[in-house]
């Protein structure tokens, strides 16, 4: 997923279709010169509909399509025939997309399932034909309702990546390297901070053809919840992960302190994140001997942990076992 192709926030203007006008037709045939009203109703205007699509991973296709319009409804006709409904406009979005009202900030819907649909903007109702207005005192009404105008307004679409496991750590902690080793994902890897600028997803193969999805989230820095570094833009992607895997390198000055800073940023962003399962992977341990590992253990946070080396392929199956155990509690 190239950084230039990953879009997780768009603001689009939607306009639904207007309803068709009702018909004022009066019945006529070869034997009837002045019949009663038989005007049909107008068709409804087209809706703007969100639809979940598991094949999409980004909102990129909305980047240059900021205005969306649905079709207008057709007018009613004789013999109480209803007009054709306006063509609906379907907006396919990745699973994990949230639609918000930009004025109130209200969450309108969360699209989490393949094929899930939600009417974002309703089309206008079609007008009633004159057949509806016939009465004992008005046998031949010559009026009908016009169609209802369509609605329009801005909507925000925001993507939160759906993954079983989210990698949480400071920049350059080894998250991208881990993902590249345990899955087929190919994130950009380099020896400088903020190599990862967008979330990367990888499917991790497990025993007996089982698998789970892991997300490499851009690195957190102290103050991220206040907008520093990459800020809260990517913290929201962690909200949908079932398990949070904290990734801290073994050469950190203070593993426990680093963990507490990361935890504090998650707490400041959304306290509910602390309710998720938390695991710890201590990376870059291929240069440690048993004695150094024994010295580190007493100072680790009180959560399940494993020592790994992505480069040396050490501890990776133990890590997968630990993740699978907590995914299936």
Protein backbone atom coordinates (compact mmCIF):
# COMPACT_ATOMS: atom_id res chain seq x y z
CA UNK A 1 0.00 0.00 0.00
CA UNK A 2 1.98 2.99 -1.23
CA UNK A 3 1.86 6.02 1.00
CA UNK A 4 0.61 8.25 -1.84
CA UNK A 5 -2.28 5.85 -2.44
CA UNK A 6 -3.51 5.55 1.12
CA UNK A 7 -6.32 7.96 1.95
CA UNK A 8 -8.20 7.52 5.22
CA UNK A 9 -10.15 10.80 5.43
CA UNK A 10 -12.31 12.55 2.83
CA UNK A 11 -15.07 15.15 2.86
CA UNK A 12 -17.62 14.76 0.08
CA UNK A 13 -20.68 16.72 -1.02
CA UNK A 14 -23.73 14.56 -1.65
CA UNK A 15 -26.95 15.47 -3.42
CA UNK A 16 -29.80 12.99 -3.69
CA UNK A 17 -32.30 12.99 -6.53
CA UNK A 18 -35.58 14.90 -6.48
CA UNK A 19 -38.85 13.00 -6.62
CA UNK A 20 -40.87 13.00 -9.82
CA UNK A 21 -44.07 15.02 -10.13
CA UNK A 22 -47.45 13.34 -9.83
CA UNK A 23 -49.61 13.21 -12.96
CA UNK A 24 -52.80 15.30 -13.48
CA UNK A 25 -54.12 12.97 -16.18
CA UNK A 26 -57.85 12.37 -16.70
CA UNK A 27 -59.01 9.06 -18.12
CA UNK A 28 -59.89 9.07 -21.84
CA UNK A 29 -60.70 6.33 -24.34
CA UNK A 30 -62.84 5.86 -27.42
CA UNK A 31 -65.99 5.54 -25.33
CA UNK A 32 -65.17 8.01 -22.57
CA UNK A 33 -64.71 11.69 -23.32
CA UNK A 34 -64.50 12.96 -19.76
CA UNK A 35 -63.35 10.27 -17.35
CA UNK A 36 -62.13 10.49 -13.80
CA UNK A 37 -58.57 11.13 -12.61
CA UNK A 38 -56.03 8.37 -13.27
CA UNK A 39 -52.76 10.24 -12.80
CA UNK A 40 -50.02 8.15 -11.20
CA UNK A 41 -47.46 9.07 -8.57
CA UNK A 42 -43.99 10.35 -9.33
CA UNK A 43 -41.03 8.09 -8.68
CA UNK A 44 -38.77 8.73 -5.70
CA UNK A 45 -35.43 10.42 -6.17
CA UNK A 46 -32.24 8.37 -6.04
CA UNK A 47 -30.51 7.79 -2.70
CA UNK A 48 -26.80 8.18 -1.91
CA UNK A 49 -25.90 4.79 -0.40
CA UNK A 50 -22.74 3.63 1.35
CA UNK A 51 -21.81 -0.01 0.72
CA UNK A 52 -19.11 -2.08 2.40
CA UNK A 53 -16.54 -3.60 0.05
CA UNK A 54 -13.92 -5.96 1.50
CA UNK A 55 -11.75 -5.55 -1.61
CA UNK A 56 -11.02 -1.90 -0.81
CA UNK A 57 -8.36 -0.72 1.66
CA UNK A 58 -8.41 3.04 1.13
CA UNK A 59 -10.70 5.98 0.35
CA UNK A 60 -8.43 7.02 -2.52
CA UNK A 61 -11.23 6.78 -5.10
CA UNK A 62 -12.98 9.74 -3.43
CA UNK A 63 -9.92 11.97 -3.54
CA UNK A 64 -10.88 13.47 -6.90
CA UNK A 65 -14.61 12.83 -6.67
CA UNK A 66 -15.80 15.30 -4.05
CA UNK A 67 -19.31 15.80 -5.48
CA UNK A 68 -21.76 12.92 -5.75
CA UNK A 69 -25.24 13.14 -7.29
CA UNK A 70 -28.07 10.61 -7.60
CA UNK A 71 -30.70 10.51 -10.36
CA UNK A 72 -34.08 12.24 -10.30
CA UNK A 73 -37.36 10.34 -10.17
CA UNK A 74 -39.61 10.15 -13.22
CA UNK A 75 -43.04 11.75 -13.40
CA UNK A 76 -46.23 9.75 -12.96
CA UNK A 77 -48.41 8.96 -15.97
CA UNK A 78 -51.87 7.80 -16.95
CA UNK A 79 -53.57 4.65 -15.71
CA UNK A 80 -52.12 5.43 -12.23
CA UNK A 81 -48.68 4.42 -13.45
CA UNK A 82 -45.92 5.34 -11.00
CA UNK A 83 -42.86 7.10 -12.39
CA UNK A 84 -39.48 5.42 -12.47
CA UNK A 85 -37.37 5.80 -9.34
CA UNK A 86 -34.22 7.83 -9.69
CA UNK A 87 -30.99 5.86 -9.99
CA UNK A 88 -29.29 5.35 -6.64
CA UNK A 89 -25.63 6.29 -6.31
CA UNK A 90 -23.62 3.62 -4.48
CA UNK A 91 -20.42 4.61 -2.71
CA UNK A 92 -18.27 1.54 -2.12
CA UNK A 93 -16.08 1.99 0.96
CA UNK A 94 -13.55 -0.20 2.81
CA UNK A 95 -14.68 -2.10 5.88
CA UNK A 96 -14.01 0.06 8.92
CA UNK A 97 -15.32 3.27 7.33
CA UNK A 98 -17.24 5.71 9.52
CA UNK A 99 -19.57 8.41 8.14
CA UNK A 100 -19.92 11.61 10.17
CA UNK A 101 -21.93 14.82 10.02
CA UNK A 102 -19.28 17.56 9.72
CA UNK A 103 -21.39 20.14 11.56
CA UNK A 104 -22.36 18.11 14.63
CA UNK A 105 -19.57 15.52 14.60
CA UNK A 106 -22.25 12.83 15.00
CA UNK A 107 -21.34 9.34 13.82
CA UNK A 108 -24.01 8.31 11.32
CA UNK A 109 -22.88 4.75 10.60
CA UNK A 110 -19.95 2.36 10.86
CA UNK A 111 -19.51 0.06 7.87
CA UNK A 112 -17.97 -3.16 9.15
CA UNK A 113 -19.45 -5.94 6.97
CA UNK A 114 -19.16 -6.91 3.31
CA UNK A 115 -22.26 -5.73 1.43
CA UNK A 116 -23.56 -3.67 4.37
CA UNK A 117 -25.58 -0.72 3.06
CA UNK A 118 -26.60 2.57 4.62
CA UNK A 119 -28.62 5.38 3.04
CA UNK A 120 -26.39 8.39 3.56
CA UNK A 121 -28.74 10.92 1.89
CA UNK A 122 -32.36 10.01 1.09
CA UNK A 123 -33.89 10.84 -2.24
CA UNK A 124 -36.96 13.08 -2.41
CA UNK A 125 -40.39 11.47 -2.36
CA UNK A 126 -42.41 11.40 -5.54
CA UNK A 127 -45.52 13.59 -5.72
CA UNK A 128 -48.97 12.02 -5.57
CA UNK A 129 -51.01 11.91 -8.75
CA UNK A 130 -54.49 13.41 -9.01
CA UNK A 131 -56.08 9.97 -8.49
CA UNK A 132 -55.35 10.41 -4.78
CA UNK A 133 -57.41 13.61 -4.53
CA UNK A 134 -60.70 12.36 -5.92
CA UNK A 135 -63.60 12.78 -3.52
CA UNK A 136 -67.38 12.85 -3.52
CA UNK A 137 -67.27 16.62 -3.86
CA UNK A 138 -64.40 16.77 -6.35
CA UNK A 139 -64.80 14.07 -8.97
CA UNK A 140 -62.18 15.40 -11.38
CA UNK A 141 -59.31 17.04 -9.54
CA UNK A 142 -56.95 18.68 -11.99
CA UNK A 143 -53.98 19.02 -9.68
CA UNK A 144 -51.23 16.78 -8.37
CA UNK A 145 -48.27 17.10 -6.03
CA UNK A 146 -44.85 18.13 -7.29
CA UNK A 147 -41.97 15.88 -6.36
CA UNK A 148 -40.03 16.51 -3.16
CA UNK A 149 -36.64 18.14 -3.61
CA UNK A 150 -33.61 16.00 -2.99
CA UNK A 151 -31.37 16.68 0.01
CA UNK A 152 -27.78 17.80 -0.14
CA UNK A 153 -24.97 18.25 2.32
CA UNK A 154 -21.37 17.48 3.22
CA UNK A 155 -20.38 14.20 4.83
CA UNK A 156 -17.08 13.05 6.28
CA UNK A 157 -15.83 9.53 5.54
CA UNK A 158 -13.13 8.31 7.90
CA UNK A 159 -11.39 4.95 7.70
CA UNK A 160 -10.27 2.98 10.74
CA UNK A 161 -8.26 -0.04 9.66
CA UNK A 162 -9.79 -3.40 10.60
CA UNK A 163 -7.17 -5.81 11.93
CA UNK A 164 -6.91 -8.47 14.62
CA UNK A 165 -3.57 -7.20 15.93
CA UNK A 166 -2.27 -3.64 15.97
CA UNK A 167 1.44 -2.95 16.43
CA UNK A 168 2.06 -0.11 18.88
CA UNK A 169 5.47 1.44 19.38
CA UNK A 170 7.79 4.36 18.90
CA UNK A 171 9.20 5.10 15.42
CA UNK A 172 11.99 2.73 14.41
CA UNK A 173 11.04 0.09 16.99
CA UNK A 174 11.05 -2.73 14.43
CA UNK A 175 7.31 -2.92 13.73
CA UNK A 176 7.63 -2.83 9.94
CA UNK A 177 10.43 -5.41 9.97
CA UNK A 178 8.29 -7.73 12.11
CA UNK A 179 5.32 -7.39 9.76
CA UNK A 180 7.49 -8.04 6.70
CA UNK A 181 8.87 -11.24 8.25
CA UNK A 182 5.64 -12.80 9.55
CA UNK A 183 3.46 -11.86 6.55
CA UNK A 184 3.67 -11.17 2.83
CA UNK A 185 3.33 -7.41 3.40
CA UNK A 186 6.19 -5.28 2.09
CA UNK A 187 6.25 -2.08 4.15
CA UNK A 188 9.00 0.48 3.62
CA UNK A 189 11.84 -0.18 6.03
CA UNK A 190 14.76 2.13 6.84
CA UNK A 191 16.89 3.12 9.79
CA UNK A 192 15.21 6.45 10.52
CA UNK A 193 12.04 7.54 12.34
CA UNK A 194 8.66 7.68 10.62
CA UNK A 195 9.55 5.30 7.82
CA UNK A 196 5.96 4.11 8.10
CA UNK A 197 3.63 6.96 7.16
CA UNK A 198 0.47 4.92 6.53
CA UNK A 199 -0.97 1.77 8.11
CA UNK A 200 0.22 -1.45 6.48
CA UNK A 201 -1.79 -4.67 6.69
CA UNK A 202 -0.45 -8.19 6.50
CA UNK A 203 -2.06 -11.61 6.79
CA UNK A 204 -0.03 -13.73 9.20
CA UNK A 205 -0.10 -17.46 8.53
CA UNK A 206 -0.50 -19.68 11.58
CA UNK A 207 -0.71 -23.39 12.28
CA UNK A 208 -3.08 -25.63 10.26
CA UNK A 209 -3.76 -22.97 7.62
CA UNK A 210 -5.19 -20.55 10.15
CA UNK A 211 -4.36 -16.86 9.94
CA UNK A 212 -4.94 -13.44 11.44
CA UNK A 213 -4.53 -9.85 10.22
CA UNK A 214 -1.77 -7.64 11.64
CA UNK A 215 -1.58 -3.86 11.17
CA UNK A 216 1.62 -1.84 11.35
CA UNK A 217 0.52 1.56 12.62
CA UNK A 218 2.81 4.59 12.12
CA UNK A 219 5.00 5.14 15.16
CA UNK A 220 3.74 7.02 18.20
CA UNK A 221 5.78 9.71 19.91
CA UNK A 222 5.22 11.32 23.29
CA UNK A 223 2.53 13.97 22.80
CA UNK A 224 0.93 12.24 19.79
CA UNK A 225 -2.52 12.47 21.41
CA UNK A 226 -2.05 16.26 21.43
CA UNK A 227 -1.16 16.34 17.75
CA UNK A 228 2.63 16.05 17.87
CA UNK A 229 4.42 13.99 15.22
CA UNK A 230 1.78 12.23 13.14
CA UNK A 231 -0.68 13.05 15.90
CA UNK A 232 -4.07 11.43 16.34
CA UNK A 233 -4.45 10.85 12.61
CA UNK A 234 -3.29 7.25 12.96
CA UNK A 235 -4.08 6.59 16.61
CA UNK A 236 -7.68 5.99 15.53
CA UNK A 237 -6.61 2.95 13.50
CA UNK A 238 -5.73 1.18 16.75
CA UNK A 239 -9.31 1.49 17.98
CA UNK A 240 -10.52 -1.45 15.89
CA UNK A 241 -7.79 -3.93 16.77
CA UNK A 242 -8.68 -6.84 19.05
CA UNK A 243 -5.16 -7.16 20.48
CA UNK A 244 -2.53 -4.44 20.91
CA UNK A 245 1.03 -5.71 20.51
CA UNK A 246 3.49 -3.25 22.04
CA UNK A 247 6.81 -3.41 20.20
CA UNK A 248 9.84 -2.13 22.13
CA UNK A 249 13.48 -2.77 21.16
CA UNK A 250 15.78 -4.47 23.64
CA UNK A 251 18.29 -1.62 23.41
CA UNK A 252 15.76 0.88 24.80
CA UNK A 253 17.07 2.92 27.74
CA UNK A 254 14.02 1.94 29.82
CA UNK A 255 11.56 -0.60 28.42
CA UNK A 256 9.04 -0.11 31.23
CA UNK A 257 9.07 3.70 30.86
CA UNK A 258 8.66 3.44 27.10
CA UNK A 259 5.68 1.14 27.60
CA UNK A 260 4.12 3.61 30.08
CA UNK A 261 4.53 6.51 27.62
CA UNK A 262 2.86 4.51 24.85
CA UNK A 263 0.07 3.49 27.21
CA UNK A 264 -0.40 7.10 28.27
CA UNK A 265 -0.81 8.27 24.68
CA UNK A 266 -3.45 5.60 24.05
CA UNK A 267 -5.24 6.55 27.27
CA UNK A 268 -5.25 10.24 26.30
CA UNK A 269 -6.59 9.46 22.84
CA UNK A 270 -9.31 7.03 23.93
CA UNK A 271 -9.47 5.48 27.43
CA UNK A 272 -11.41 2.50 26.02
CA UNK A 273 -8.21 1.34 24.32
CA UNK A 274 -6.96 0.20 27.73
CA UNK A 275 -9.72 -2.44 27.79
CA UNK A 276 -8.09 -4.30 24.90
CA UNK A 277 -5.75 -7.25 25.30
CA UNK A 278 -2.15 -6.05 25.59
CA UNK A 279 0.96 -8.05 24.69
CA UNK A 280 4.63 -7.09 24.56
CA UNK A 281 7.24 -8.05 21.96
CA UNK A 282 10.81 -7.12 22.83
CA UNK A 283 12.61 -6.87 19.49
CA UNK A 284 16.20 -6.88 18.29
CA UNK A 285 17.18 -9.52 20.85
CA UNK A 286 19.50 -11.53 18.57
CA UNK A 287 22.49 -9.83 20.18
CA UNK A 288 21.40 -10.60 23.74
CA UNK A 289 22.65 -13.60 25.67
CA UNK A 290 20.69 -15.49 28.33
CA UNK A 291 22.28 -13.47 31.12
CA UNK A 292 21.19 -10.12 29.68
CA UNK A 293 17.67 -11.41 29.06
CA UNK A 294 17.47 -12.56 32.68
CA UNK A 295 18.49 -9.07 33.81
CA UNK A 296 15.81 -7.41 31.69
CA UNK A 297 12.87 -9.61 32.75
CA UNK A 298 12.32 -8.27 36.31
CA UNK A 299 11.81 -4.73 34.98
CA UNK A 300 9.22 -5.59 32.31
CA UNK A 301 5.55 -4.49 32.47
CA UNK A 302 3.10 -6.95 33.99
CA UNK A 303 1.67 -8.19 30.70
CA UNK A 304 2.43 -11.31 28.60
CA UNK A 305 5.70 -10.84 26.71
CA UNK A 306 8.07 -12.58 24.34
CA UNK A 307 11.64 -11.87 23.21
CA UNK A 308 11.99 -11.90 19.41
CA UNK A 309 14.39 -11.10 16.61
CA UNK A 310 12.81 -10.52 13.21
CA UNK A 311 16.19 -10.57 11.47
CA UNK A 312 17.36 -13.81 13.11
CA UNK A 313 13.86 -15.37 13.01
CA UNK A 314 13.92 -15.98 16.76
CA UNK A 315 10.79 -16.26 18.91
CA UNK A 316 8.38 -15.64 16.04
CA UNK A 317 6.37 -18.86 16.45
CA UNK A 318 6.20 -18.25 20.20
CA UNK A 319 4.86 -14.77 19.42
CA UNK A 320 2.23 -16.18 17.03
CA UNK A 321 1.15 -18.71 19.66
CA UNK A 322 0.77 -15.94 22.22
CA UNK A 323 -1.25 -13.76 19.84
CA UNK A 324 -3.51 -16.63 18.77
CA UNK A 325 -4.17 -17.57 22.40
CA UNK A 326 -5.35 -14.05 23.24
CA UNK A 327 -7.33 -13.61 20.00
CA UNK A 328 -9.33 -16.71 20.88
CA UNK A 329 -9.86 -16.24 24.61
